[in-house]
PDB file of N, CA and C in Angstrom:
ATOM      1  N   MET A   1       0.822  -1.195   0.000  1.00  0.00           N
ATOM      2  CA  MET A   1       0.000   0.000   0.000  1.00  0.00           C
ATOM      3  C   MET A   1       0.866   1.260   0.000  1.00  0.00           C
ATOM      4  N   ILE A   2       1.942   1.227   0.760  1.00  0.00           N
ATOM      5  CA  ILE A   2       2.838   2.381   0.823  1.00  0.00           C
ATOM      6  C   ILE A   2       3.559   2.561  -0.511  1.00  0.00           C
ATOM      7  N   LYS A   3       3.909   1.442  -1.164  1.00  0.00           N
ATOM      8  CA  LYS A   3       4.575   1.533  -2.464  1.00  0.00           C
ATOM      9  C   LYS A   3       3.646   2.163  -3.498  1.00  0.00           C
ATOM     10  N   LYS A   4       2.370   1.757  -3.487  1.00  0.00           N
ATOM     11  CA  LYS A   4       1.406   2.312  -4.433  1.00  0.00           C
ATOM     12  C   LYS A   4       1.215   3.806  -4.191  1.00  0.00           C
ATOM     13  N   LEU A   5       1.131   4.186  -2.935  1.00  0.00           N
ATOM     14  CA  LEU A   5       0.978   5.593  -2.590  1.00  0.00           C
ATOM     15  C   LEU A   5       2.210   6.394  -3.025  1.00  0.00           C
ATOM     16  N   GLY A   6       3.387   5.811  -2.834  1.00  0.00           N
ATOM     17  CA  GLY A   6       4.633   6.465  -3.257  1.00  0.00           C
ATOM     18  C   GLY A   6       4.700   6.621  -4.767  1.00  0.00           C
ATOM     19  N   ILE A   7       4.301   5.579  -5.493  1.00  0.00           N
ATOM     20  CA  ILE A   7       4.325   5.630  -6.959  1.00  0.00           C
ATOM     21  C   ILE A   7       3.311   6.655  -7.469  1.00  0.00           C
ATOM     22  N   LEU A   8       2.113   6.658  -6.886  1.00  0.00           N
ATOM     23  CA  LEU A   8       1.094   7.624  -7.300  1.00  0.00           C
ATOM     24  C   LEU A   8       1.533   9.060  -7.015  1.00  0.00           C
ATOM     25  N   SER A   9       2.150   9.270  -5.868  1.00  0.00           N
ATOM     26  CA  SER A   9       2.613  10.626  -5.553  1.00  0.00           C
ATOM     27  C   SER A   9       3.750  11.048  -6.488  1.00  0.00           C
ATOM     28  N   LEU A  10       4.611  10.106  -6.862  1.00  0.00           N
ATOM     29  CA  LEU A  10       5.690  10.406  -7.800  1.00  0.00           C
ATOM     30  C   LEU A  10       5.124  10.764  -9.176  1.00  0.00           C
ATOM     31  N   ILE A  11       4.127  10.022  -9.629  1.00  0.00           N
ATOM     32  CA  ILE A  11       3.491  10.307 -10.919  1.00  0.00           C
ATOM     33  C   ILE A  11       2.802  11.668 -10.877  1.00  0.00           C
ATOM     34  N   PHE A  12       2.117  11.957  -9.776  1.00  0.00           N
ATOM     35  CA  PHE A  12       1.453  13.249  -9.622  1.00  0.00           C
ATOM     36  C   PHE A  12       2.473  14.386  -9.621  1.00  0.00           C
ATOM     37  N   LEU A  13       3.587  14.188  -8.947  1.00  0.00           N
ATOM     38  CA  LEU A  13       4.639  15.203  -8.885  1.00  0.00           C
ATOM     39  C   LEU A  13       5.244  15.456 -10.270  1.00  0.00           C
ATOM     40  N   MET A  14       5.501  14.399 -11.012  1.00  0.00           N
ATOM     41  CA  MET A  14       6.065  14.553 -12.358  1.00  0.00           C
ATOM     42  C   MET A  14       5.068  15.242 -13.294  1.00  0.00           C
ATOM     43  N   GLY A  15       3.801  14.928 -13.146  1.00  0.00           N
ATOM     44  CA  GLY A  15       2.775  15.569 -13.965  1.00  0.00           C
ATOM     45  C   GLY A  15       2.642  17.046 -13.663  1.00  0.00           C
ATOM     46  N   SER A  16       2.761  17.416 -12.402  1.00  0.00           N
ATOM     47  CA  SER A  16       2.645  18.828 -12.048  1.00  0.00           C
ATOM     48  C   SER A  16       3.864  19.620 -12.512  1.00  0.00           C
ATOM     49  N   CYS A  17       5.014  18.979 -12.591  1.00  0.00           N
ATOM     50  CA  CYS A  17       6.214  19.676 -13.074  1.00  0.00           C
ATOM     51  C   CYS A  17       6.072  20.063 -14.541  1.00  0.00           C
ATOM     52  N   THR A  18       5.399  19.256 -15.334  1.00  0.00           N
ATOM     53  CA  THR A  18       5.224  19.597 -16.742  1.00  0.00           C
ATOM     54  C   THR A  18       4.285  20.783 -16.915  1.00  0.00           C
ATOM     55  N   LEU A  19       3.393  20.995 -15.954  1.00  0.00           N
ATOM     56  CA  LEU A  19       2.499  22.142 -16.040  1.00  0.00           C
ATOM     57  C   LEU A  19       3.240  23.453 -15.839  1.00  0.00           C
ATOM     58  N   PHE A  20       4.306  23.432 -15.059  1.00  0.00           N
ATOM     59  CA  PHE A  20       5.026  24.656 -14.737  1.00  0.00           C
ATOM     60  C   PHE A  20       6.160  24.966 -15.703  1.00  0.00           C
ATOM     61  N   GLN A  21       6.376  24.128 -16.674  1.00  0.00           N
ATOM     62  CA  GLN A  21       7.409  24.412 -17.658  1.00  0.00           C
ATOM     63  C   GLN A  21       6.940  25.541 -18.567  1.00  0.00           C
ATOM     64  N   PRO A  22       7.873  26.355 -19.069  1.00  0.00           N
ATOM     65  CA  PRO A  22       7.455  27.450 -19.950  1.00  0.00           C
ATOM     66  C   PRO A  22       6.910  26.918 -21.271  1.00  0.00           C
ATOM     67  N   ARG A  23       5.911  27.604 -21.766  1.00  0.00           N
ATOM     68  CA  ARG A  23       5.308  27.229 -23.041  1.00  0.00           C
ATOM     69  C   ARG A  23       6.239  27.662 -24.170  1.00  0.00           C
ATOM     70  N   ILE A  24       6.469  26.794 -25.116  1.00  0.00           N
ATOM     71  CA  ILE A  24       7.324  27.116 -26.256  1.00  0.00           C
ATOM     72  C   ILE A  24       6.441  27.772 -27.313  1.00  0.00           C
ATOM     73  N   PRO A  25       6.593  29.079 -27.539  1.00  0.00           N
ATOM     74  CA  PRO A  25       5.693  29.747 -28.473  1.00  0.00           C
ATOM     75  C   PRO A  25       5.992  29.466 -29.939  1.00  0.00           C
ATOM     76  N   TYR A  26       7.242  29.158 -30.256  1.00  0.00           N
ATOM     77  CA  TYR A  26       7.619  28.926 -31.647  1.00  0.00           C
ATOM     78  C   TYR A  26       8.475  27.679 -31.717  1.00  0.00           C
ATOM     79  N   GLN A  27       8.138  26.813 -32.649  1.00  0.00           N
ATOM     80  CA  GLN A  27       8.912  25.588 -32.843  1.00  0.00           C
ATOM     81  C   GLN A  27       8.782  25.201 -34.309  1.00  0.00           C
ATOM     82  N   LEU A  28       9.907  25.014 -34.976  1.00  0.00           N
ATOM     83  CA  LEU A  28       9.858  24.634 -36.385  1.00  0.00           C
ATOM     84  C   LEU A  28       9.078  23.335 -36.542  1.00  0.00           C
ATOM     85  N   GLY A  29       8.202  23.302 -37.514  1.00  0.00           N
ATOM     86  CA  GLY A  29       7.380  22.126 -37.750  1.00  0.00           C
ATOM     87  C   GLY A  29       6.024  22.181 -37.072  1.00  0.00           C
ATOM     88  N   MET A  30       5.777  23.195 -36.232  1.00  0.00           N
ATOM     89  CA  MET A  30       4.478  23.258 -35.554  1.00  0.00           C
ATOM     90  C   MET A  30       3.399  23.676 -36.550  1.00  0.00           C
ATOM     91  N   SER A  31       2.173  23.322 -36.253  1.00  0.00           N
ATOM     92  CA  SER A  31       1.075  23.616 -37.175  1.00  0.00           C
ATOM     93  C   SER A  31       0.686  25.091 -37.077  1.00  0.00           C
ATOM     94  N   GLU A  32       0.091  25.560 -38.140  1.00  0.00           N
ATOM     95  CA  GLU A  32      -0.322  26.963 -38.196  1.00  0.00           C
ATOM     96  C   GLU A  32      -1.413  27.262 -37.174  1.00  0.00           C
ATOM     97  N   SER A  33      -2.339  26.337 -36.992  1.00  0.00           N
ATOM     98  CA  SER A  33      -3.430  26.561 -36.038  1.00  0.00           C
ATOM     99  C   SER A  33      -2.910  26.633 -34.605  1.00  0.00           C
ATOM    100  N   LYS A  34      -1.948  25.790 -34.252  1.00  0.00           N
ATOM    101  CA  LYS A  34      -1.363  25.840 -32.909  1.00  0.00           C
ATOM    102  C   LYS A  34      -0.608  27.154 -32.708  1.00  0.00           C
ATOM    103  N   PHE A  35       0.109  27.587 -33.719  1.00  0.00           N
ATOM    104  CA  PHE A  35       0.837  28.852 -33.654  1.00  0.00           C
ATOM    105  C   PHE A  35      -0.120  30.011 -33.421  1.00  0.00           C
ATOM    106  N   LEU A  36      -1.237  30.027 -34.155  1.00  0.00           N
ATOM    107  CA  LEU A  36      -2.198  31.118 -34.017  1.00  0.00           C
ATOM    108  C   LEU A  36      -2.926  31.080 -32.679  1.00  0.00           C
ATOM    109  N   ARG A  37      -3.136  29.888 -32.125  1.00  0.00           N
ATOM    110  CA  ARG A  37      -3.740  29.798 -30.790  1.00  0.00           C
ATOM    111  C   ARG A  37      -2.822  30.393 -29.735  1.00  0.00           C
ATOM    112  N   GLN A  38      -1.521  30.160 -29.878  1.00  0.00           N
ATOM    113  CA  GLN A  38      -0.565  30.640 -28.885  1.00  0.00           C
ATOM    114  C   GLN A  38      -0.180  32.101 -29.101  1.00  0.00           C
ATOM    115  N   ASN A  39      -0.334  32.607 -30.306  1.00  0.00           N
ATOM    116  CA  ASN A  39       0.061  33.982 -30.632  1.00  0.00           C
ATOM    117  C   ASN A  39      -1.130  34.710 -31.242  1.00  0.00           C
ATOM    118  N   LYS A  40      -2.016  35.173 -30.398  1.00  0.00           N
ATOM    119  CA  LYS A  40      -3.258  35.781 -30.861  1.00  0.00           C
ATOM    120  C   LYS A  40      -3.042  37.142 -31.520  1.00  0.00           C
ATOM    121  N   ASP A  41      -1.893  37.772 -31.283  1.00  0.00           N
ATOM    122  CA  ASP A  41      -1.627  39.076 -31.878  1.00  0.00           C
ATOM    123  C   ASP A  41      -0.915  38.981 -33.228  1.00  0.00           C
ATOM    124  N   ALA A  42      -0.787  37.773 -33.784  1.00  0.00           N
ATOM    125  CA  ALA A  42      -0.130  37.590 -35.084  1.00  0.00           C
ATOM    126  C   ALA A  42      -1.053  38.082 -36.197  1.00  0.00           C
ATOM    127  N   VAL A  43      -0.468  38.806 -37.148  1.00  0.00           N
ATOM    128  CA  VAL A  43      -1.219  39.294 -38.307  1.00  0.00           C
ATOM    129  C   VAL A  43      -0.510  38.832 -39.579  1.00  0.00           C
ATOM    130  N   ILE A  44      -1.287  38.609 -40.626  1.00  0.00           N
ATOM    131  CA  ILE A  44      -0.703  38.153 -41.888  1.00  0.00           C
ATOM    132  C   ILE A  44       0.069  39.305 -42.516  1.00  0.00           C
ATOM    133  N   SER A  45       1.315  39.046 -42.822  1.00  0.00           N
ATOM    134  CA  SER A  45       2.175  40.041 -43.443  1.00  0.00           C
ATOM    135  C   SER A  45       2.281  39.814 -44.947  1.00  0.00           C
ATOM    136  N   GLN A  46       2.261  38.552 -45.357  1.00  0.00           N
ATOM    137  CA  GLN A  46       2.407  38.219 -46.772  1.00  0.00           C
ATOM    138  C   GLN A  46       1.639  36.930 -47.038  1.00  0.00           C
ATOM    139  N   LEU A  47       0.980  36.865 -48.183  1.00  0.00           N
ATOM    140  CA  LEU A  47       0.167  35.701 -48.516  1.00  0.00           C
ATOM    141  C   LEU A  47       0.423  35.321 -49.968  1.00  0.00           C
ATOM    142  N   ASN A  48       0.988  34.129 -50.178  1.00  0.00           N
ATOM    143  CA  ASN A  48       1.241  33.600 -51.521  1.00  0.00           C
ATOM    144  C   ASN A  48       0.443  32.316 -51.686  1.00  0.00           C
ATOM    145  N   ASN A  49       0.713  31.549 -52.729  1.00  0.00           N
ATOM    146  CA  ASN A  49      -0.044  30.325 -53.006  1.00  0.00           C
ATOM    147  C   ASN A  49       0.009  29.349 -51.838  1.00  0.00           C
ATOM    148  N   GLU A  50       1.163  28.846 -51.520  1.00  0.00           N
ATOM    149  CA  GLU A  50       1.322  27.857 -50.448  1.00  0.00           C
ATOM    150  C   GLU A  50       2.065  28.433 -49.253  1.00  0.00           C
ATOM    151  N   LYS A  51       2.317  29.714 -49.276  1.00  0.00           N
ATOM    152  CA  LYS A  51       3.182  30.330 -48.267  1.00  0.00           C
ATOM    153  C   LYS A  51       2.450  31.472 -47.570  1.00  0.00           C
ATOM    154  N   LYS A  52       2.484  31.466 -46.227  1.00  0.00           N
ATOM    155  CA  LYS A  52       1.913  32.546 -45.431  1.00  0.00           C
ATOM    156  C   LYS A  52       2.988  33.043 -44.478  1.00  0.00           C
ATOM    157  N   VAL A  53       3.075  34.352 -44.344  1.00  0.00           N
ATOM    158  CA  VAL A  53       4.033  34.957 -43.422  1.00  0.00           C
ATOM    159  C   VAL A  53       3.243  35.780 -42.417  1.00  0.00           C
ATOM    160  N   TYR A  54       3.428  35.466 -41.138  1.00  0.00           N
ATOM    161  CA  TYR A  54       2.779  36.191 -40.060  1.00  0.00           C
ATOM    162  C   TYR A  54       3.791  37.096 -39.381  1.00  0.00           C
ATOM    163  N   ARG A  55       3.318  38.240 -38.917  1.00  0.00           N
ATOM    164  CA  ARG A  55       4.175  39.192 -38.211  1.00  0.00           C
ATOM    165  C   ARG A  55       3.676  39.330 -36.784  1.00  0.00           C
ATOM    166  N   ILE A  56       4.626  39.272 -35.840  1.00  0.00           N
ATOM    167  CA  ILE A  56       4.312  39.437 -34.421  1.00  0.00           C
ATOM    168  C   ILE A  56       5.208  40.535 -33.879  1.00  0.00           C
ATOM    169  N   ASN A  57       4.618  41.584 -33.339  1.00  0.00           N
ATOM    170  CA  ASN A  57       5.401  42.649 -32.720  1.00  0.00           C
ATOM    171  C   ASN A  57       5.806  42.216 -31.328  1.00  0.00           C
ATOM    172  N   LYS A  58       7.117  42.153 -31.099  1.00  0.00           N
ATOM    173  CA  LYS A  58       7.617  41.731 -29.791  1.00  0.00           C
ATOM    174  C   LYS A  58       7.666  42.906 -28.824  1.00  0.00           C
ATOM    175  N   ASP A  59       8.147  44.033 -29.266  1.00  0.00           N
ATOM    176  CA  ASP A  59       8.158  45.260 -28.477  1.00  0.00           C
ATOM    177  C   ASP A  59       8.256  46.424 -29.454  1.00  0.00           C
ATOM    178  N   GLU A  60       8.701  47.577 -28.988  1.00  0.00           N
ATOM    179  CA  GLU A  60       8.732  48.742 -29.859  1.00  0.00           C
ATOM    180  C   GLU A  60       9.807  48.663 -30.934  1.00  0.00           C
ATOM    181  N   ARG A  61      10.837  47.854 -30.726  1.00  0.00           N
ATOM    182  CA  ARG A  61      11.962  47.826 -31.663  1.00  0.00           C
ATOM    183  C   ARG A  61      12.051  46.555 -32.500  1.00  0.00           C
ATOM    184  N   PHE A  62      11.484  45.450 -32.038  1.00  0.00           N
ATOM    185  CA  PHE A  62      11.681  44.176 -32.720  1.00  0.00           C
ATOM    186  C   PHE A  62      10.349  43.547 -33.113  1.00  0.00           C
ATOM    187  N   TYR A  63      10.381  42.803 -34.207  1.00  0.00           N
ATOM    188  CA  TYR A  63       9.226  42.009 -34.617  1.00  0.00           C
ATOM    189  C   TYR A  63       9.721  40.677 -35.157  1.00  0.00           C
ATOM    190  N   LEU A  64       8.818  39.723 -35.232  1.00  0.00           N
ATOM    191  CA  LEU A  64       9.150  38.370 -35.649  1.00  0.00           C
ATOM    192  C   LEU A  64       8.330  38.025 -36.885  1.00  0.00           C
ATOM    193  N   LEU A  65       8.979  37.423 -37.883  1.00  0.00           N
ATOM    194  CA  LEU A  65       8.290  36.936 -39.075  1.00  0.00           C
ATOM    195  C   LEU A  65       8.297  35.415 -39.048  1.00  0.00           C
ATOM    196  N   ALA A  66       7.122  34.822 -39.060  1.00  0.00           N
ATOM    197  CA  ALA A  66       6.981  33.363 -39.056  1.00  0.00           C
ATOM    198  C   ALA A  66       6.416  32.937 -40.409  1.00  0.00           C
ATOM    199  N   THR A  67       7.148  32.070 -41.103  1.00  0.00           N
ATOM    200  CA  THR A  67       6.760  31.629 -42.442  1.00  0.00           C
ATOM    201  C   THR A  67       6.212  30.210 -42.387  1.00  0.00           C
ATOM    202  N   PHE A  68       5.019  30.023 -42.966  1.00  0.00           N
ATOM    203  CA  PHE A  68       4.365  28.715 -43.009  1.00  0.00           C
ATOM    204  C   PHE A  68       4.231  28.266 -44.452  1.00  0.00           C
ATOM    205  N   GLU A  69       4.545  27.013 -44.691  1.00  0.00           N
ATOM    206  CA  GLU A  69       4.297  26.383 -45.982  1.00  0.00           C
ATOM    207  C   GLU A  69       3.558  25.079 -45.720  1.00  0.00           C
ATOM    208  N   ASN A  70       2.432  24.893 -46.404  1.00  0.00           N
ATOM    209  CA  ASN A  70       1.597  23.693 -46.229  1.00  0.00           C
ATOM    210  C   ASN A  70       1.215  23.486 -44.769  1.00  0.00           C
ATOM    211  N   ASP A  71       0.795  24.559 -44.095  1.00  0.00           N
ATOM    212  CA  ASP A  71       0.319  24.520 -42.706  1.00  0.00           C
ATOM    213  C   ASP A  71       1.405  24.074 -41.719  1.00  0.00           C
ATOM    214  N   GLU A  72       2.668  24.355 -42.034  1.00  0.00           N
ATOM    215  CA  GLU A  72       3.772  23.957 -41.160  1.00  0.00           C
ATOM    216  C   GLU A  72       4.781  25.100 -41.077  1.00  0.00           C
ATOM    217  N   LEU A  73       5.254  25.395 -39.867  1.00  0.00           N
ATOM    218  CA  LEU A  73       6.227  26.466 -39.662  1.00  0.00           C
ATOM    219  C   LEU A  73       7.583  26.046 -40.221  1.00  0.00           C
ATOM    220  N   VAL A  74       8.104  26.837 -41.177  1.00  0.00           N
ATOM    221  CA  VAL A  74       9.373  26.472 -41.811  1.00  0.00           C
ATOM    222  C   VAL A  74      10.500  27.439 -41.487  1.00  0.00           C
ATOM    223  N   SER A  75      10.185  28.682 -41.119  1.00  0.00           N
ATOM    224  CA  SER A  75      11.268  29.602 -40.765  1.00  0.00           C
ATOM    225  C   SER A  75      10.773  30.706 -39.841  1.00  0.00           C
ATOM    226  N   LEU A  76      11.697  31.173 -39.014  1.00  0.00           N
ATOM    227  CA  LEU A  76      11.460  32.288 -38.100  1.00  0.00           C
ATOM    228  C   LEU A  76      12.556  33.317 -38.315  1.00  0.00           C
ATOM    229  N   GLU A  77      12.175  34.578 -38.385  1.00  0.00           N
ATOM    230  CA  GLU A  77      13.152  35.653 -38.535  1.00  0.00           C
ATOM    231  C   GLU A  77      12.808  36.758 -37.548  1.00  0.00           C
ATOM    232  N   GLU A  78      13.799  37.192 -36.784  1.00  0.00           N
ATOM    233  CA  GLU A  78      13.606  38.330 -35.902  1.00  0.00           C
ATOM    234  C   GLU A  78      14.241  39.536 -36.566  1.00  0.00           C
ATOM    235  N   LYS A  79      13.483  40.614 -36.678  1.00  0.00           N
ATOM    236  CA  LYS A  79      13.966  41.812 -37.357  1.00  0.00           C
ATOM    237  C   LYS A  79      13.811  43.011 -36.440  1.00  0.00           C
ATOM    238  N   GLU A  80      14.621  44.027 -36.732  1.00  0.00           N
ATOM    239  CA  GLU A  80      14.582  45.261 -35.949  1.00  0.00           C
ATOM    240  C   GLU A  80      13.993  46.367 -36.812  1.00  0.00           C
ATOM    241  N   LEU A  81      13.108  47.145 -36.209  1.00  0.00           N
ATOM    242  CA  LEU A  81      12.533  48.270 -36.924  1.00  0.00           C
ATOM    243  C   LEU A  81      13.581  49.357 -37.093  1.00  0.00           C
ATOM    244  N   ALA A  82      13.541  50.053 -38.212  1.00  0.00           N
ATOM    245  CA  ALA A  82      14.453  51.178 -38.416  1.00  0.00           C
ATOM    246  C   ALA A  82      14.006  52.324 -37.516  1.00  0.00           C
ATOM    247  N   PRO A  83      14.932  52.946 -36.802  1.00  0.00           N
ATOM    248  CA  PRO A  83      14.525  54.036 -35.906  1.00  0.00           C
ATOM    249  C   PRO A  83      14.023  55.233 -36.705  1.00  0.00           C
ATOM    250  N   GLN A  84      12.955  55.801 -36.240  1.00  0.00           N
ATOM    251  CA  GLN A  84      12.393  56.983 -36.878  1.00  0.00           C
ATOM    252  C   GLN A  84      12.507  58.131 -35.889  1.00  0.00           C
ATOM    253  N   TRP A  85      13.553  58.904 -36.055  1.00  0.00           N
ATOM    254  CA  TRP A  85      13.801  60.010 -35.135  1.00  0.00           C
ATOM    255  C   TRP A  85      12.887  61.165 -35.499  1.00  0.00           C
ATOM    256  N   PRO A  86      12.206  61.723 -34.525  1.00  0.00           N
ATOM    257  CA  PRO A  86      11.355  62.872 -34.829  1.00  0.00           C
ATOM    258  C   PRO A  86      12.221  64.085 -35.182  1.00  0.00           C
ATOM    259  N   GLN A  87      11.739  64.868 -36.115  1.00  0.00           N
ATOM    260  CA  GLN A  87      12.479  66.049 -36.528  1.00  0.00           C
ATOM    261  C   GLN A  87      12.421  67.076 -35.405  1.00  0.00           C
ATOM    262  N   GLN A  88      13.552  67.686 -35.121  1.00  0.00           N
ATOM    263  CA  GLN A  88      13.610  68.641 -34.024  1.00  0.00           C
ATOM    264  C   GLN A  88      12.883  69.923 -34.437  1.00  0.00           C
ATOM    265  N   ARG A  89      12.133  70.470 -33.518  1.00  0.00           N
ATOM    266  CA  ARG A  89      11.366  71.666 -33.822  1.00  0.00           C
ATOM    267  C   ARG A  89      12.294  72.857 -34.056  1.00  0.00           C
ATOM    268  N   ILE A  90      11.876  73.748 -34.930  1.00  0.00           N
ATOM    269  CA  ILE A  90      12.717  74.893 -35.287  1.00  0.00           C
ATOM    270  C   ILE A  90      12.864  75.844 -34.103  1.00  0.00           C
ATOM    271  N   MET A  91      11.813  76.076 -33.374  1.00  0.00           N
ATOM    272  CA  MET A  91      11.861  77.044 -32.277  1.00  0.00           C
ATOM    273  C   MET A  91      12.321  76.427 -30.960  1.00  0.00           C
ATOM    274  N   ASP A  92      12.792  75.225 -30.992  1.00  0.00           N
ATOM    275  CA  ASP A  92      13.263  74.553 -29.784  1.00  0.00           C
ATOM    276  C   ASP A  92      14.618  75.126 -29.377  1.00  0.00           C
ATOM    277  N   PRO A  93      14.792  75.605 -28.144  1.00  0.00           N
ATOM    278  CA  PRO A  93      16.087  76.149 -27.710  1.00  0.00           C
ATOM    279  C   PRO A  93      17.195  75.099 -27.708  1.00  0.00           C
ATOM    280  N   ASN A  94      16.840  73.819 -27.678  1.00  0.00           N
ATOM    281  CA  ASN A  94      17.856  72.768 -27.717  1.00  0.00           C
ATOM    282  C   ASN A  94      18.359  72.506 -29.131  1.00  0.00           C
ATOM    283  N   ASN A  95      17.703  73.076 -30.105  1.00  0.00           N
ATOM    284  CA  ASN A  95      18.123  72.927 -31.489  1.00  0.00           C
ATOM    285  C   ASN A  95      19.405  73.734 -31.694  1.00  0.00           C
ATOM    286  N   PRO A  96      20.487  73.128 -32.214  1.00  0.00           N
ATOM    287  CA  PRO A  96      21.745  73.868 -32.368  1.00  0.00           C
ATOM    288  C   PRO A  96      21.642  75.032 -33.355  1.00  0.00           C
ATOM    289  N   ASP A  97      20.684  75.006 -34.270  1.00  0.00           N
ATOM    290  CA  ASP A  97      20.529  76.097 -35.234  1.00  0.00           C
ATOM    291  C   ASP A  97      19.540  77.161 -34.772  1.00  0.00           C
ATOM    292  N   TYR A  98      19.077  77.094 -33.555  1.00  0.00           N
ATOM    293  CA  TYR A  98      18.058  78.018 -33.061  1.00  0.00           C
ATOM    294  C   TYR A  98      18.556  79.464 -33.101  1.00  0.00           C
ATOM    295  N   ASN A  99      19.758  79.728 -32.598  1.00  0.00           N
ATOM    296  CA  ASN A  99      20.298  81.086 -32.572  1.00  0.00           C
ATOM    297  C   ASN A  99      21.045  81.440 -33.851  1.00  0.00           C
ATOM    298  N   ASN A 100      21.541  80.457 -34.574  1.00  0.00           N
ATOM    299  CA  ASN A 100      22.369  80.707 -35.749  1.00  0.00           C
ATOM    300  C   ASN A 100      21.595  80.577 -37.055  1.00  0.00           C
ATOM    301  N   ARG A 101      20.322  80.479 -36.976  1.00  0.00           N
ATOM    302  CA  ARG A 101      19.530  80.183 -38.149  1.00  0.00           C
ATOM    303  C   ARG A 101      19.587  81.299 -39.188  1.00  0.00           C
ATOM    304  N   TYR A 102      19.590  82.556 -38.766  1.00  0.00           N
ATOM    305  CA  TYR A 102      19.525  83.666 -39.708  1.00  0.00           C
ATOM    306  C   TYR A 102      20.890  84.287 -39.995  1.00  0.00           C
ATOM    307  N   GLN A 103      21.936  83.788 -39.392  1.00  0.00           N
ATOM    308  CA  GLN A 103      23.262  84.356 -39.634  1.00  0.00           C
ATOM    309  C   GLN A 103      23.798  83.970 -40.999  1.00  0.00           C
ATOM    310  N   ASN A 104      23.415  82.815 -41.519  1.00  0.00           N
ATOM    311  CA  ASN A 104      23.906  82.364 -42.816  1.00  0.00           C
ATOM    312  C   ASN A 104      23.058  82.877 -43.976  1.00  0.00           C
ATOM    313  N   GLN A 105      21.965  83.578 -43.678  1.00  0.00           N
ATOM    314  CA  GLN A 105      21.059  84.054 -44.718  1.00  0.00           C
ATOM    315  C   GLN A 105      20.938  85.576 -44.608  1.00  0.00           C
ATOM    316  N   PRO A 106      21.812  86.346 -45.260  1.00  0.00           N
ATOM    317  CA  PRO A 106      21.830  87.798 -45.069  1.00  0.00           C
ATOM    318  C   PRO A 106      20.648  88.520 -45.716  1.00  0.00           C
ATOM    319  N   ASN A 107      19.968  87.946 -46.680  1.00  0.00           N
ATOM    320  CA  ASN A 107      18.902  88.645 -47.389  1.00  0.00           C
ATOM    321  C   ASN A 107      17.565  88.604 -46.663  1.00  0.00           C
ATOM    322  N   GLN A 108      17.418  87.734 -45.698  1.00  0.00           N
ATOM    323  CA  GLN A 108      16.138  87.614 -45.012  1.00  0.00           C
ATOM    324  C   GLN A 108      16.137  88.449 -43.744  1.00  0.00           C
ATOM    325  N   GLU A 109      14.955  88.915 -43.399  1.00  0.00           N
ATOM    326  CA  GLU A 109      14.829  89.696 -42.176  1.00  0.00           C
ATOM    327  C   GLU A 109      14.822  88.776 -40.975  1.00  0.00           C
ATOM    328  N   ARG A 110      15.313  89.294 -39.897  1.00  0.00           N
ATOM    329  CA  ARG A 110      15.293  88.537 -38.646  1.00  0.00           C
ATOM    330  C   ARG A 110      13.917  88.673 -38.002  1.00  0.00           C
ATOM    331  N   PRO A 111      13.450  87.637 -37.312  1.00  0.00           N
ATOM    332  CA  PRO A 111      12.145  87.746 -36.638  1.00  0.00           C
ATOM    333  C   PRO A 111      12.260  88.646 -35.413  1.00  0.00           C
ATOM    334  N   ASN A 112      11.137  89.238 -35.046  1.00  0.00           N
ATOM    335  CA  ASN A 112      11.104  90.069 -33.834  1.00  0.00           C
ATOM    336  C   ASN A 112      11.149  89.173 -32.619  1.00  0.00           C
ATOM    337  N   ARG A 113      12.048  89.507 -31.724  1.00  0.00           N
ATOM    338  CA  ARG A 113      12.155  88.673 -30.514  1.00  0.00           C
ATOM    339  C   ARG A 113      11.671  89.398 -29.314  1.00  0.00           C
TER     340      ARG A 113
END
């Protein structure tokens, strides 16, 4: 009786350990439906005859491209977005050309300050 209880508790313990393992979100060869269930924010980026490419935004700088052929994941690519720096405002005092803007243009009038 003690052996059976020990074996059952060991099986229960091993089963609970698998529940706490991290979920693998991407695995080559996984089905498209399983991928979409696990990644609900995936959007189609490209659609060809037998090929679908999904895009997943990871954060503000990186995104992932997952390519499926015949309902099977065949490639993963992580890409970085190109930085889009906002243009500095002309009247911003931190702009290096703020005070020197009209010195190089002698024909224009200076603004009233």
